């Protein structure tokens, strides 16, 4: 295998590159993405999140974010505390999906979070996102926690189901 794939906690510079890519890809939803970039970078600087990136031959191809402070998670009760981390922003560039890259990043992230003392992970998914629910169940997120509503910067409201798993 000639390619070099690494998993790491992102730097601020890498975050700017990835967010600018997402904004460029976002189409009509661009205003939400601009707000999310600003919030993401602020939260990272405050130590409220840990961004994990998978980088292939120098290109960021997948990501996930661990939110470790209740202040940055909507509906945070039962989702994030000193031992529970909320996971979000599971993204892989389309042409790299289904090739195991995100799986490697996910396991890297889980190992790092366990080492940091977290014993449980949670996440949210829209009820009609069946493919994502199957993927999350595959990764062990089978404990239903609750349902709620989340709000986008532009006022869009979505329904979300929250699931958790114990980190072993």
N, C-alpha and C. Protein backbone atom coordinates (compact mmCIF):
# COMPACT_ATOMS: atom_id res chain seq x y z
N UNK A 1 0.85 -1.18 0.00
CA UNK A 1 0.00 0.00 0.00
C UNK A 1 0.89 1.25 0.00
N UNK A 2 0.81 2.02 -1.05
CA UNK A 2 1.65 3.21 -1.18
C UNK A 2 1.11 4.41 -0.42
N UNK A 3 -0.19 4.37 -0.14
CA UNK A 3 -0.80 5.54 0.49
C UNK A 3 -0.50 5.57 1.99
N UNK A 4 -0.49 6.76 2.52
CA UNK A 4 -0.23 6.96 3.94
C UNK A 4 -1.49 7.52 4.59
N UNK A 5 -2.09 6.74 5.50
CA UNK A 5 -3.29 7.19 6.21
C UNK A 5 -2.94 7.34 7.68
N UNK A 6 -3.21 8.53 8.22
CA UNK A 6 -2.96 8.75 9.64
C UNK A 6 -4.22 9.27 10.31
N UNK A 7 -4.37 8.94 11.59
CA UNK A 7 -5.45 9.45 12.42
C UNK A 7 -4.82 10.34 13.47
N UNK A 8 -5.46 11.49 13.74
CA UNK A 8 -4.87 12.42 14.69
C UNK A 8 -5.91 13.39 15.21
N UNK A 9 -5.56 14.06 16.30
CA UNK A 9 -6.35 15.19 16.75
C UNK A 9 -5.95 16.37 15.87
N UNK A 10 -6.95 17.04 15.33
CA UNK A 10 -6.70 18.11 14.36
C UNK A 10 -6.05 19.33 14.99
N UNK A 11 -5.26 20.01 14.20
CA UNK A 11 -4.71 21.31 14.58
C UNK A 11 -5.70 22.39 14.13
N UNK A 12 -5.53 23.59 14.64
CA UNK A 12 -6.37 24.71 14.24
C UNK A 12 -6.26 24.96 12.73
N UNK A 13 -5.05 24.86 12.19
CA UNK A 13 -4.85 25.05 10.75
C UNK A 13 -5.62 23.99 9.95
N UNK A 14 -5.56 22.74 10.38
CA UNK A 14 -6.29 21.67 9.69
C UNK A 14 -7.80 21.88 9.79
N UNK A 15 -8.26 22.37 10.94
CA UNK A 15 -9.69 22.66 11.09
C UNK A 15 -10.14 23.72 10.09
N UNK A 16 -9.35 24.76 9.93
CA UNK A 16 -9.70 25.80 8.95
C UNK A 16 -9.78 25.24 7.54
N UNK A 17 -8.85 24.39 7.18
CA UNK A 17 -8.86 23.76 5.85
C UNK A 17 -10.13 22.93 5.67
N UNK A 18 -10.44 22.09 6.65
CA UNK A 18 -11.60 21.19 6.54
C UNK A 18 -12.90 21.98 6.53
N UNK A 19 -13.02 22.98 7.41
CA UNK A 19 -14.25 23.77 7.42
C UNK A 19 -14.42 24.55 6.12
N UNK A 20 -13.35 25.10 5.57
CA UNK A 20 -13.46 25.82 4.29
C UNK A 20 -13.91 24.87 3.18
N UNK A 21 -13.44 23.62 3.22
CA UNK A 21 -13.89 22.61 2.26
C UNK A 21 -15.39 22.37 2.43
N UNK A 22 -15.85 22.17 3.67
CA UNK A 22 -17.27 21.91 3.91
C UNK A 22 -18.13 23.09 3.46
N UNK A 23 -17.68 24.30 3.75
CA UNK A 23 -18.43 25.49 3.34
C UNK A 23 -18.52 25.54 1.81
N UNK A 24 -17.43 25.24 1.12
CA UNK A 24 -17.43 25.25 -0.35
C UNK A 24 -18.38 24.21 -0.93
N UNK A 25 -18.57 23.10 -0.21
CA UNK A 25 -19.45 22.02 -0.68
C UNK A 25 -20.90 22.21 -0.28
N UNK A 26 -21.21 23.20 0.56
CA UNK A 26 -22.49 23.25 1.25
C UNK A 26 -23.68 23.78 0.44
N UNK A 27 -23.45 24.42 -0.66
CA UNK A 27 -24.56 24.89 -1.50
C UNK A 27 -25.44 25.90 -0.79
N UNK A 28 -26.77 25.65 -0.82
CA UNK A 28 -27.74 26.59 -0.26
C UNK A 28 -27.65 26.70 1.26
N UNK A 29 -27.01 25.73 1.91
CA UNK A 29 -26.92 25.69 3.36
C UNK A 29 -25.68 26.42 3.89
N UNK A 30 -25.04 27.21 3.02
CA UNK A 30 -23.74 27.83 3.33
C UNK A 30 -23.73 28.65 4.62
N UNK A 31 -24.81 29.40 4.89
CA UNK A 31 -24.82 30.26 6.09
C UNK A 31 -24.72 29.43 7.37
N UNK A 32 -25.41 28.27 7.42
CA UNK A 32 -25.29 27.40 8.60
C UNK A 32 -23.84 26.95 8.77
N UNK A 33 -23.20 26.54 7.68
CA UNK A 33 -21.84 26.02 7.75
C UNK A 33 -20.85 27.09 8.20
N UNK A 34 -21.06 28.33 7.79
CA UNK A 34 -20.19 29.42 8.23
C UNK A 34 -20.31 29.61 9.74
N UNK A 35 -21.54 29.57 10.26
CA UNK A 35 -21.75 29.69 11.70
C UNK A 35 -21.14 28.50 12.43
N UNK A 36 -21.34 27.29 11.88
CA UNK A 36 -20.79 26.08 12.52
C UNK A 36 -19.27 26.12 12.57
N UNK A 37 -18.64 26.64 11.51
CA UNK A 37 -17.17 26.77 11.52
C UNK A 37 -16.73 27.67 12.66
N UNK A 38 -17.35 28.83 12.77
CA UNK A 38 -16.98 29.78 13.82
C UNK A 38 -17.15 29.16 15.21
N UNK A 39 -18.30 28.51 15.43
CA UNK A 39 -18.55 27.87 16.73
C UNK A 39 -17.55 26.75 17.00
N UNK A 40 -17.28 25.96 15.97
CA UNK A 40 -16.38 24.82 16.13
C UNK A 40 -14.98 25.29 16.55
N UNK A 41 -14.49 26.31 15.91
CA UNK A 41 -13.15 26.82 16.23
C UNK A 41 -13.14 27.45 17.63
N UNK A 42 -14.19 28.19 17.97
CA UNK A 42 -14.28 28.76 19.32
C UNK A 42 -14.30 27.66 20.38
N UNK A 43 -15.12 26.63 20.14
CA UNK A 43 -15.24 25.52 21.10
C UNK A 43 -13.93 24.77 21.26
N UNK A 44 -13.21 24.60 20.16
CA UNK A 44 -11.89 23.95 20.20
C UNK A 44 -10.92 24.78 21.03
N UNK A 45 -10.90 26.09 20.80
CA UNK A 45 -10.00 26.97 21.54
C UNK A 45 -10.32 26.98 23.04
N UNK A 46 -11.60 26.81 23.39
CA UNK A 46 -12.02 26.77 24.79
C UNK A 46 -11.75 25.41 25.44
N UNK A 47 -11.38 24.40 24.64
CA UNK A 47 -11.16 23.07 25.18
C UNK A 47 -12.44 22.28 25.37
N UNK A 48 -13.52 22.68 24.69
CA UNK A 48 -14.81 22.03 24.82
C UNK A 48 -15.00 20.88 23.84
N UNK A 49 -14.15 20.80 22.82
CA UNK A 49 -14.26 19.74 21.81
C UNK A 49 -12.88 19.20 21.46
N UNK A 50 -12.89 17.99 20.91
CA UNK A 50 -11.67 17.38 20.39
C UNK A 50 -12.00 16.92 18.96
N UNK A 51 -11.44 17.58 17.95
CA UNK A 51 -11.68 17.17 16.56
C UNK A 51 -10.68 16.09 16.14
N UNK A 52 -11.19 15.01 15.58
CA UNK A 52 -10.35 13.91 15.11
C UNK A 52 -10.44 13.85 13.59
N UNK A 53 -9.28 13.77 12.92
CA UNK A 53 -9.23 13.74 11.47
C UNK A 53 -8.49 12.51 10.99
N UNK A 54 -8.98 11.97 9.87
CA UNK A 54 -8.28 10.94 9.13
C UNK A 54 -7.69 11.60 7.90
N UNK A 55 -6.37 11.46 7.72
CA UNK A 55 -5.67 12.17 6.65
C UNK A 55 -4.97 11.14 5.76
N UNK A 56 -5.31 11.16 4.48
CA UNK A 56 -4.75 10.24 3.49
C UNK A 56 -3.86 11.01 2.53
N UNK A 57 -2.60 10.64 2.50
CA UNK A 57 -1.64 11.32 1.62
C UNK A 57 -1.74 12.84 1.74
N UNK A 58 -1.88 13.33 2.97
CA UNK A 58 -1.91 14.76 3.22
C UNK A 58 -3.25 15.44 3.06
N UNK A 59 -4.30 14.67 2.69
CA UNK A 59 -5.63 15.24 2.47
C UNK A 59 -6.58 14.74 3.56
N UNK A 60 -7.31 15.66 4.19
CA UNK A 60 -8.28 15.29 5.22
C UNK A 60 -9.47 14.64 4.52
N UNK A 61 -9.69 13.34 4.80
CA UNK A 61 -10.78 12.63 4.10
C UNK A 61 -11.93 12.23 5.02
N UNK A 62 -11.69 12.22 6.35
CA UNK A 62 -12.79 11.89 7.25
C UNK A 62 -12.57 12.59 8.59
N UNK A 63 -13.66 12.70 9.34
CA UNK A 63 -13.58 13.42 10.61
C UNK A 63 -14.67 12.95 11.55
N UNK A 64 -14.46 13.25 12.82
CA UNK A 64 -15.46 13.09 13.88
C UNK A 64 -15.04 14.04 14.99
N UNK A 65 -16.02 14.54 15.73
CA UNK A 65 -15.73 15.46 16.82
C UNK A 65 -16.28 14.92 18.12
N UNK A 66 -15.45 14.98 19.16
CA UNK A 66 -15.88 14.63 20.51
C UNK A 66 -16.18 15.92 21.25
N UNK A 67 -17.40 16.04 21.73
CA UNK A 67 -17.82 17.22 22.49
C UNK A 67 -17.78 16.83 23.96
N UNK A 68 -16.93 17.52 24.72
CA UNK A 68 -16.66 17.09 26.08
C UNK A 68 -17.19 18.05 27.14
N UNK A 69 -17.97 19.04 26.73
CA UNK A 69 -18.54 20.00 27.67
C UNK A 69 -20.03 20.19 27.35
N UNK A 70 -20.90 20.13 28.38
CA UNK A 70 -22.34 20.26 28.12
C UNK A 70 -22.74 21.58 27.46
N UNK A 71 -21.94 22.61 27.63
CA UNK A 71 -22.25 23.92 27.07
C UNK A 71 -22.37 23.90 25.54
N UNK A 72 -21.72 22.94 24.88
CA UNK A 72 -21.69 22.93 23.42
C UNK A 72 -22.57 21.85 22.80
N UNK A 73 -23.40 21.19 23.62
CA UNK A 73 -24.27 20.11 23.13
C UNK A 73 -25.72 20.49 23.40
N UNK A 74 -26.53 20.51 22.35
CA UNK A 74 -27.96 20.75 22.55
C UNK A 74 -28.54 19.54 23.30
N UNK A 75 -29.51 19.79 24.17
CA UNK A 75 -30.16 18.71 24.95
C UNK A 75 -29.14 17.90 25.75
N UNK A 76 -28.17 18.57 26.36
CA UNK A 76 -26.99 17.89 26.91
C UNK A 76 -27.24 16.96 28.09
N UNK A 77 -28.38 17.08 28.80
CA UNK A 77 -28.64 16.18 29.92
C UNK A 77 -28.58 14.73 29.47
N UNK A 78 -27.82 13.91 30.20
CA UNK A 78 -27.62 12.49 29.90
C UNK A 78 -26.76 12.24 28.66
N UNK A 79 -26.22 13.29 28.04
CA UNK A 79 -25.43 13.11 26.82
C UNK A 79 -23.95 13.43 27.00
N UNK A 80 -23.62 14.32 27.94
CA UNK A 80 -22.22 14.70 28.15
C UNK A 80 -22.03 15.15 29.59
N UNK A 81 -20.97 14.62 30.20
CA UNK A 81 -20.57 15.02 31.54
C UNK A 81 -19.11 14.63 31.72
N UNK A 82 -18.61 14.61 32.92
CA UNK A 82 -17.20 14.33 33.15
C UNK A 82 -16.72 12.98 32.66
N UNK A 83 -17.65 12.03 32.48
CA UNK A 83 -17.26 10.69 32.02
C UNK A 83 -17.96 10.28 30.73
N UNK A 84 -18.82 11.15 30.23
CA UNK A 84 -19.59 10.84 29.02
C UNK A 84 -19.29 11.89 27.96
N UNK A 85 -18.96 11.43 26.76
CA UNK A 85 -18.61 12.30 25.66
C UNK A 85 -19.69 12.20 24.58
N UNK A 86 -20.02 13.33 23.95
CA UNK A 86 -20.99 13.35 22.86
C UNK A 86 -20.21 13.44 21.54
N UNK A 87 -20.53 12.55 20.62
CA UNK A 87 -19.83 12.49 19.33
C UNK A 87 -20.69 13.10 18.23
N UNK A 88 -20.05 13.82 17.32
CA UNK A 88 -20.79 14.44 16.22
C UNK A 88 -19.88 14.58 15.00
N UNK A 89 -20.47 15.11 13.94
CA UNK A 89 -19.74 15.44 12.71
C UNK A 89 -18.98 14.24 12.14
N UNK A 90 -19.66 13.10 12.05
CA UNK A 90 -19.07 11.93 11.38
C UNK A 90 -19.19 12.20 9.89
N UNK A 91 -18.07 12.50 9.25
CA UNK A 91 -18.09 12.80 7.82
C UNK A 91 -16.91 12.14 7.12
N UNK A 92 -17.18 11.60 5.94
CA UNK A 92 -16.15 11.06 5.07
C UNK A 92 -16.44 11.56 3.66
N UNK A 93 -15.43 12.04 2.99
CA UNK A 93 -15.60 12.46 1.59
C UNK A 93 -16.11 11.26 0.80
N UNK A 94 -17.12 11.49 -0.04
CA UNK A 94 -17.85 10.41 -0.73
C UNK A 94 -16.96 9.34 -1.34
N UNK A 95 -15.95 9.72 -2.11
CA UNK A 95 -15.16 8.72 -2.83
C UNK A 95 -14.32 7.84 -1.91
N UNK A 96 -14.25 8.18 -0.62
CA UNK A 96 -13.48 7.37 0.34
C UNK A 96 -14.38 6.57 1.28
N UNK A 97 -15.70 6.67 1.07
CA UNK A 97 -16.63 5.93 1.93
C UNK A 97 -16.56 4.43 1.61
N UNK A 98 -16.79 3.62 2.65
CA UNK A 98 -16.85 2.17 2.47
C UNK A 98 -15.49 1.51 2.30
N UNK A 99 -14.42 2.21 2.61
CA UNK A 99 -13.07 1.65 2.42
C UNK A 99 -12.33 1.44 3.74
N UNK A 100 -13.04 1.64 4.85
CA UNK A 100 -12.45 1.38 6.16
C UNK A 100 -11.72 2.54 6.80
N UNK A 101 -11.63 3.67 6.12
CA UNK A 101 -10.91 4.80 6.69
C UNK A 101 -11.60 5.36 7.93
N UNK A 102 -12.92 5.57 7.82
CA UNK A 102 -13.62 6.11 8.99
C UNK A 102 -13.56 5.13 10.15
N UNK A 103 -13.66 3.86 9.87
CA UNK A 103 -13.58 2.85 10.93
C UNK A 103 -12.26 2.96 11.70
N UNK A 104 -11.16 3.15 10.97
CA UNK A 104 -9.86 3.33 11.63
C UNK A 104 -9.86 4.59 12.48
N UNK A 105 -10.44 5.67 11.96
CA UNK A 105 -10.51 6.91 12.72
C UNK A 105 -11.38 6.73 13.96
N UNK A 106 -12.50 6.06 13.81
CA UNK A 106 -13.41 5.84 14.94
C UNK A 106 -12.70 5.08 16.06
N UNK A 107 -11.98 4.03 15.72
CA UNK A 107 -11.28 3.24 16.74
C UNK A 107 -10.15 4.05 17.39
N UNK A 108 -9.47 4.86 16.60
CA UNK A 108 -8.44 5.76 17.14
C UNK A 108 -9.07 6.72 18.17
N UNK A 109 -10.21 7.29 17.79
CA UNK A 109 -10.91 8.23 18.66
C UNK A 109 -11.37 7.54 19.95
N UNK A 110 -11.97 6.36 19.83
CA UNK A 110 -12.44 5.63 21.02
C UNK A 110 -11.28 5.31 21.96
N UNK A 111 -10.16 4.87 21.41
CA UNK A 111 -8.99 4.58 22.24
C UNK A 111 -8.51 5.83 22.97
N UNK A 112 -8.45 6.96 22.25
CA UNK A 112 -8.00 8.20 22.84
C UNK A 112 -8.95 8.66 23.95
N UNK A 113 -10.24 8.57 23.71
CA UNK A 113 -11.22 9.00 24.71
C UNK A 113 -11.19 8.12 25.95
N UNK A 114 -11.01 6.80 25.77
CA UNK A 114 -10.85 5.91 26.92
C UNK A 114 -9.63 6.31 27.74
N UNK A 115 -8.52 6.60 27.05
CA UNK A 115 -7.30 7.01 27.74
C UNK A 115 -7.50 8.33 28.49
N UNK A 116 -8.40 9.17 28.02
CA UNK A 116 -8.69 10.44 28.68
C UNK A 116 -9.68 10.26 29.84
N UNK A 117 -10.16 9.04 30.07
CA UNK A 117 -11.03 8.75 31.20
C UNK A 117 -12.51 8.69 30.93
N UNK A 118 -12.91 8.79 29.66
CA UNK A 118 -14.33 8.69 29.36
C UNK A 118 -14.77 7.23 29.38
N UNK A 119 -15.98 6.99 29.93
CA UNK A 119 -16.48 5.62 30.05
C UNK A 119 -17.73 5.38 29.22
N UNK A 120 -18.28 6.44 28.64
CA UNK A 120 -19.48 6.30 27.81
C UNK A 120 -19.42 7.32 26.68
N UNK A 121 -19.97 6.93 25.53
CA UNK A 121 -20.09 7.84 24.39
C UNK A 121 -21.55 7.87 23.94
N UNK A 122 -21.99 9.05 23.50
CA UNK A 122 -23.35 9.23 23.02
C UNK A 122 -23.31 9.93 21.66
N UNK A 123 -24.42 9.86 20.94
CA UNK A 123 -24.55 10.56 19.66
C UNK A 123 -26.02 10.73 19.34
N UNK A 124 -26.30 11.57 18.34
CA UNK A 124 -27.67 11.80 17.91
C UNK A 124 -27.82 11.51 16.43
N UNK A 125 -29.04 11.09 16.06
CA UNK A 125 -29.33 10.78 14.67
C UNK A 125 -30.80 11.12 14.40
N UNK A 126 -31.07 11.63 13.20
CA UNK A 126 -32.45 11.90 12.84
C UNK A 126 -33.18 10.58 12.66
N UNK A 127 -34.45 10.48 13.12
CA UNK A 127 -35.17 9.21 13.10
C UNK A 127 -35.27 8.53 11.73
N UNK A 128 -35.30 9.31 10.66
CA UNK A 128 -35.45 8.71 9.33
C UNK A 128 -34.12 8.40 8.64
N UNK A 129 -33.01 8.63 9.31
CA UNK A 129 -31.69 8.33 8.73
C UNK A 129 -31.32 6.86 9.01
N UNK A 130 -32.02 5.96 8.33
CA UNK A 130 -31.86 4.52 8.59
C UNK A 130 -30.43 4.02 8.36
N UNK A 131 -29.78 4.49 7.29
CA UNK A 131 -28.41 4.05 7.01
C UNK A 131 -27.47 4.43 8.17
N UNK A 132 -27.59 5.68 8.64
CA UNK A 132 -26.75 6.12 9.75
C UNK A 132 -27.06 5.34 11.01
N UNK A 133 -28.35 5.07 11.27
CA UNK A 133 -28.71 4.30 12.47
C UNK A 133 -28.08 2.90 12.43
N UNK A 134 -28.05 2.30 11.24
CA UNK A 134 -27.42 0.98 11.10
C UNK A 134 -25.92 1.05 11.36
N UNK A 135 -25.28 2.08 10.83
CA UNK A 135 -23.84 2.26 11.05
C UNK A 135 -23.56 2.46 12.53
N UNK A 136 -24.34 3.31 13.18
CA UNK A 136 -24.12 3.58 14.61
C UNK A 136 -24.35 2.32 15.44
N UNK A 137 -25.36 1.55 15.09
CA UNK A 137 -25.61 0.28 15.81
C UNK A 137 -24.42 -0.66 15.63
N UNK A 138 -23.85 -0.69 14.42
CA UNK A 138 -22.67 -1.52 14.14
C UNK A 138 -21.52 -1.12 15.06
N UNK A 139 -21.39 0.16 15.36
CA UNK A 139 -20.34 0.65 16.24
C UNK A 139 -20.71 0.52 17.73
N UNK A 140 -21.89 -0.04 18.01
CA UNK A 140 -22.28 -0.32 19.39
C UNK A 140 -23.21 0.69 20.03
N UNK A 141 -23.69 1.66 19.29
CA UNK A 141 -24.60 2.66 19.84
C UNK A 141 -26.03 2.13 19.78
N UNK A 142 -26.36 1.27 20.74
CA UNK A 142 -27.66 0.60 20.75
C UNK A 142 -28.52 1.00 21.95
N UNK A 143 -27.95 1.70 22.92
CA UNK A 143 -28.70 2.11 24.10
C UNK A 143 -29.47 3.40 23.79
N UNK A 144 -30.79 3.28 23.65
CA UNK A 144 -31.61 4.46 23.41
C UNK A 144 -31.62 5.31 24.67
N UNK A 145 -31.34 6.60 24.54
CA UNK A 145 -31.31 7.50 25.69
C UNK A 145 -32.56 8.37 25.74
N UNK A 146 -32.85 9.09 24.66
CA UNK A 146 -34.00 9.98 24.63
C UNK A 146 -34.17 10.54 23.22
N UNK A 147 -35.23 11.29 23.02
CA UNK A 147 -35.46 12.03 21.78
C UNK A 147 -35.53 13.51 22.11
N UNK A 148 -35.27 14.34 21.11
CA UNK A 148 -35.34 15.78 21.31
C UNK A 148 -35.36 16.52 19.99
N UNK A 149 -35.35 17.82 20.08
CA UNK A 149 -35.29 18.68 18.90
C UNK A 149 -33.98 19.45 18.95
N UNK A 150 -33.38 19.65 17.78
CA UNK A 150 -32.18 20.48 17.68
C UNK A 150 -32.45 21.60 16.69
N UNK A 151 -31.71 22.68 16.86
CA UNK A 151 -31.95 23.90 16.09
C UNK A 151 -30.69 24.30 15.33
N UNK A 152 -30.85 24.51 14.03
CA UNK A 152 -29.76 25.00 13.20
C UNK A 152 -29.68 26.52 13.34
N UNK A 153 -28.54 27.10 12.98
CA UNK A 153 -28.41 28.57 13.07
C UNK A 153 -29.49 29.33 12.30
N UNK A 154 -29.96 28.77 11.17
CA UNK A 154 -30.97 29.46 10.36
C UNK A 154 -32.39 29.26 10.86
N UNK A 155 -32.55 28.55 11.99
CA UNK A 155 -33.88 28.33 12.55
C UNK A 155 -34.50 26.98 12.20
N UNK A 156 -33.88 26.23 11.30
CA UNK A 156 -34.38 24.90 10.98
C UNK A 156 -34.41 24.06 12.25
N UNK A 157 -35.50 23.30 12.43
CA UNK A 157 -35.65 22.43 13.59
C UNK A 157 -35.68 20.98 13.10
N UNK A 158 -34.88 20.11 13.74
CA UNK A 158 -34.88 18.70 13.38
C UNK A 158 -35.17 17.85 14.61
N UNK A 159 -35.79 16.70 14.38
CA UNK A 159 -35.98 15.70 15.43
C UNK A 159 -34.72 14.85 15.51
N UNK A 160 -34.33 14.49 16.73
CA UNK A 160 -33.12 13.69 16.93
C UNK A 160 -33.39 12.62 17.98
N UNK A 161 -32.88 11.41 17.71
CA UNK A 161 -32.87 10.34 18.69
C UNK A 161 -31.44 10.19 19.17
N UNK A 162 -31.26 10.01 20.47
CA UNK A 162 -29.93 9.91 21.05
C UNK A 162 -29.67 8.49 21.53
N UNK A 163 -28.46 8.00 21.23
CA UNK A 163 -28.05 6.65 21.60
C UNK A 163 -26.70 6.70 22.29
N UNK A 164 -26.41 5.68 23.09
CA UNK A 164 -25.15 5.64 23.78
C UNK A 164 -24.53 4.26 23.77
N UNK A 165 -23.27 4.21 24.18
CA UNK A 165 -22.56 2.94 24.34
C UNK A 165 -21.53 3.10 25.44
N UNK A 166 -21.24 2.02 26.12
CA UNK A 166 -20.20 2.00 27.14
C UNK A 166 -18.86 1.82 26.44
N UNK A 167 -17.87 2.56 26.88
CA UNK A 167 -16.52 2.43 26.33
C UNK A 167 -15.80 1.39 27.17
N UNK A 168 -15.42 0.30 26.53
CA UNK A 168 -14.77 -0.81 27.25
C UNK A 168 -13.29 -0.85 26.95
